[in-house]
């Protein structure tokens, strides 16, 4: 069993303890936190995909292909490309985090 120690403010600890007191089983509390994080990552991924879809439609290029060319310096540093690249990197990071939690 993991004995988790957090370095948090007393007021935050008090609030967490109130929440924990409403659970019969600390395991279910921990599982709910994980489920919430997974849900947030999925929502973030969906929003990023919608944003990326706009660039893909505008430039008629899948984000993966764009990102490879952009990363290799084959495209200029226009504002659209910088934003597109950043969104795609966030998508990759969120997908990796989701994979780790799933």
C-alpha atoms as a PDB file:
ATOM      1  CA  UNK A   1       0.000   0.000   0.000  1.00  0.00           C
ATOM      2  CA  UNK A   2       1.218   3.479  -0.872  1.00  0.00           C
ATOM      3  CA  UNK A   3       1.484   6.040   1.876  1.00  0.00           C
ATOM      4  CA  UNK A   4       1.241   9.272  -0.083  1.00  0.00           C
ATOM      5  CA  UNK A   5       2.636  12.455   1.405  1.00  0.00           C
ATOM      6  CA  UNK A   6       1.787  15.777  -0.168  1.00  0.00           C
ATOM      7  CA  UNK A   7       3.396  19.093   0.608  1.00  0.00           C
ATOM      8  CA  UNK A   8       0.263  21.250   0.618  1.00  0.00           C
ATOM      9  CA  UNK A   9      -1.117  24.149   2.611  1.00  0.00           C
ATOM     10  CA  UNK A  10      -3.089  23.306   5.763  1.00  0.00           C
ATOM     11  CA  UNK A  11      -6.309  24.712   4.310  1.00  0.00           C
ATOM     12  CA  UNK A  12      -5.964  22.476   1.255  1.00  0.00           C
ATOM     13  CA  UNK A  13      -5.240  19.461   3.463  1.00  0.00           C
ATOM     14  CA  UNK A  14      -8.349  20.227   5.505  1.00  0.00           C
ATOM     15  CA  UNK A  15     -10.493  20.343   2.363  1.00  0.00           C
ATOM     16  CA  UNK A  16      -9.033  17.079   1.042  1.00  0.00           C
ATOM     17  CA  UNK A  17      -9.644  15.384   4.380  1.00  0.00           C
ATOM     18  CA  UNK A  18     -13.285  16.500   4.258  1.00  0.00           C
ATOM     19  CA  UNK A  19     -13.627  14.922   0.833  1.00  0.00           C
ATOM     20  CA  UNK A  20     -11.859  11.751   1.953  1.00  0.00           C
ATOM     21  CA  UNK A  21     -14.201  11.469   4.945  1.00  0.00           C
ATOM     22  CA  UNK A  22     -17.149  11.153   2.561  1.00  0.00           C
ATOM     23  CA  UNK A  23     -15.627   8.003   1.017  1.00  0.00           C
ATOM     24  CA  UNK A  24     -15.827   4.613   2.726  1.00  0.00           C
ATOM     25  CA  UNK A  25     -12.796   3.470   0.789  1.00  0.00           C
ATOM     26  CA  UNK A  26      -9.758   5.667  -0.015  1.00  0.00           C
ATOM     27  CA  UNK A  27      -9.196   3.469  -3.088  1.00  0.00           C
ATOM     28  CA  UNK A  28     -12.439   4.709  -4.648  1.00  0.00           C
ATOM     29  CA  UNK A  29     -11.331   8.294  -3.979  1.00  0.00           C
ATOM     30  CA  UNK A  30      -8.046   7.671  -5.781  1.00  0.00           C
ATOM     31  CA  UNK A  31      -9.814   5.912  -8.658  1.00  0.00           C
ATOM     32  CA  UNK A  32     -12.186   8.874  -9.015  1.00  0.00           C
ATOM     33  CA  UNK A  33      -9.255  11.277  -9.249  1.00  0.00           C
ATOM     34  CA  UNK A  34      -7.694   9.141 -11.970  1.00  0.00           C
ATOM     35  CA  UNK A  35     -11.031   8.845 -13.820  1.00  0.00           C
ATOM     36  CA  UNK A  36     -11.448  12.615 -13.668  1.00  0.00           C
ATOM     37  CA  UNK A  37      -7.954  13.184 -15.076  1.00  0.00           C
ATOM     38  CA  UNK A  38      -8.633  10.704 -17.890  1.00  0.00           C
ATOM     39  CA  UNK A  39     -11.887  12.478 -18.672  1.00  0.00           C
ATOM     40  CA  UNK A  40     -10.143  15.865 -18.778  1.00  0.00           C
ATOM     41  CA  UNK A  41      -7.424  14.519 -21.062  1.00  0.00           C
ATOM     42  CA  UNK A  42     -10.025  13.046 -23.421  1.00  0.00           C
ATOM     43  CA  UNK A  43     -11.888  16.347 -23.526  1.00  0.00           C
ATOM     44  CA  UNK A  44      -8.643  18.215 -24.169  1.00  0.00           C
ATOM     45  CA  UNK A  45      -7.702  15.796 -26.949  1.00  0.00           C
ATOM     46  CA  UNK A  46     -11.082  16.266 -28.609  1.00  0.00           C
ATOM     47  CA  UNK A  47     -10.755  20.051 -28.479  1.00  0.00           C
ATOM     48  CA  UNK A  48      -7.239  19.909 -29.889  1.00  0.00           C
ATOM     49  CA  UNK A  49      -8.396  17.613 -32.681  1.00  0.00           C
ATOM     50  CA  UNK A  50     -11.132  20.091 -33.580  1.00  0.00           C
ATOM     51  CA  UNK A  51      -8.615  22.942 -33.660  1.00  0.00           C
ATOM     52  CA  UNK A  52      -6.186  20.882 -35.738  1.00  0.00           C
ATOM     53  CA  UNK A  53      -8.950  19.948 -38.153  1.00  0.00           C
ATOM     54  CA  UNK A  54      -9.338  23.622 -39.061  1.00  0.00           C
ATOM     55  CA  UNK A  55      -5.682  23.854 -40.056  1.00  0.00           C
ATOM     56  CA  UNK A  56      -5.844  20.522 -41.893  1.00  0.00           C
ATOM     57  CA  UNK A  57      -8.820  21.741 -43.888  1.00  0.00           C
ATOM     58  CA  UNK A  58      -7.280  25.135 -44.588  1.00  0.00           C
ATOM     59  CA  UNK A  59      -3.953  23.696 -45.751  1.00  0.00           C
ATOM     60  CA  UNK A  60      -5.258  20.355 -47.078  1.00  0.00           C
ATOM     61  CA  UNK A  61      -2.623  18.457 -45.065  1.00  0.00           C
ATOM     62  CA  UNK A  62      -2.887  16.008 -42.182  1.00  0.00           C
ATOM     63  CA  UNK A  63      -1.325  17.375 -38.996  1.00  0.00           C
ATOM     64  CA  UNK A  64       1.125  14.487 -38.780  1.00  0.00           C
ATOM     65  CA  UNK A  65       2.493  15.247 -42.259  1.00  0.00           C
ATOM     66  CA  UNK A  66       2.601  18.979 -41.552  1.00  0.00           C
ATOM     67  CA  UNK A  67       4.418  18.452 -38.254  1.00  0.00           C
ATOM     68  CA  UNK A  68       7.058  16.248 -39.833  1.00  0.00           C
ATOM     69  CA  UNK A  69       7.783  18.835 -42.537  1.00  0.00           C
ATOM     70  CA  UNK A  70       7.684  21.726 -40.069  1.00  0.00           C
ATOM     71  CA  UNK A  71      10.011  19.945 -37.650  1.00  0.00           C
ATOM     72  CA  UNK A  72      12.490  19.285 -40.439  1.00  0.00           C
ATOM     73  CA  UNK A  73      12.534  22.965 -41.393  1.00  0.00           C
ATOM     74  CA  UNK A  74      10.812  22.413 -44.730  1.00  0.00           C
ATOM     75  CA  UNK A  75       8.152  25.054 -43.946  1.00  0.00           C
ATOM     76  CA  UNK A  76       8.421  28.699 -42.923  1.00  0.00           C
ATOM     77  CA  UNK A  77       7.740  30.037 -39.446  1.00  0.00           C
ATOM     78  CA  UNK A  78       4.447  31.720 -40.219  1.00  0.00           C
ATOM     79  CA  UNK A  79       2.124  32.390 -37.304  1.00  0.00           C
ATOM     80  CA  UNK A  80      -0.326  29.704 -38.468  1.00  0.00           C
ATOM     81  CA  UNK A  81       2.401  27.093 -38.649  1.00  0.00           C
ATOM     82  CA  UNK A  82       3.757  27.938 -35.207  1.00  0.00           C
ATOM     83  CA  UNK A  83       0.266  27.692 -33.688  1.00  0.00           C
ATOM     84  CA  UNK A  84      -0.495  24.498 -35.610  1.00  0.00           C
ATOM     85  CA  UNK A  85       2.775  22.955 -34.465  1.00  0.00           C
ATOM     86  CA  UNK A  86       2.101  23.907 -30.850  1.00  0.00           C
ATOM     87  CA  UNK A  87      -1.396  22.430 -30.948  1.00  0.00           C
ATOM     88  CA  UNK A  88      -0.074  19.215 -32.438  1.00  0.00           C
ATOM     89  CA  UNK A  89       2.649  18.946 -29.778  1.00  0.00           C
ATOM     90  CA  UNK A  90      -0.004  19.421 -27.074  1.00  0.00           C
ATOM     91  CA  UNK A  91      -2.069  16.683 -28.686  1.00  0.00           C
ATOM     92  CA  UNK A  92       0.889  14.307 -28.622  1.00  0.00           C
ATOM     93  CA  UNK A  93       1.602  15.141 -24.973  1.00  0.00           C
ATOM     94  CA  UNK A  94      -2.038  14.646 -23.951  1.00  0.00           C
ATOM     95  CA  UNK A  95      -2.234  11.350 -25.826  1.00  0.00           C
ATOM     96  CA  UNK A  96       0.940  10.133 -24.098  1.00  0.00           C
ATOM     97  CA  UNK A  97      -0.426  11.104 -20.673  1.00  0.00           C
ATOM     98  CA  UNK A  98      -3.713   9.386 -21.447  1.00  0.00           C
ATOM     99  CA  UNK A  99      -1.851   6.242 -22.493  1.00  0.00           C
ATOM    100  CA  UNK A 100       0.068   6.249 -19.211  1.00  0.00           C
ATOM    101  CA  UNK A 101      -3.120   6.557 -17.154  1.00  0.00           C
ATOM    102  CA  UNK A 102      -5.160   4.041 -19.096  1.00  0.00           C
END
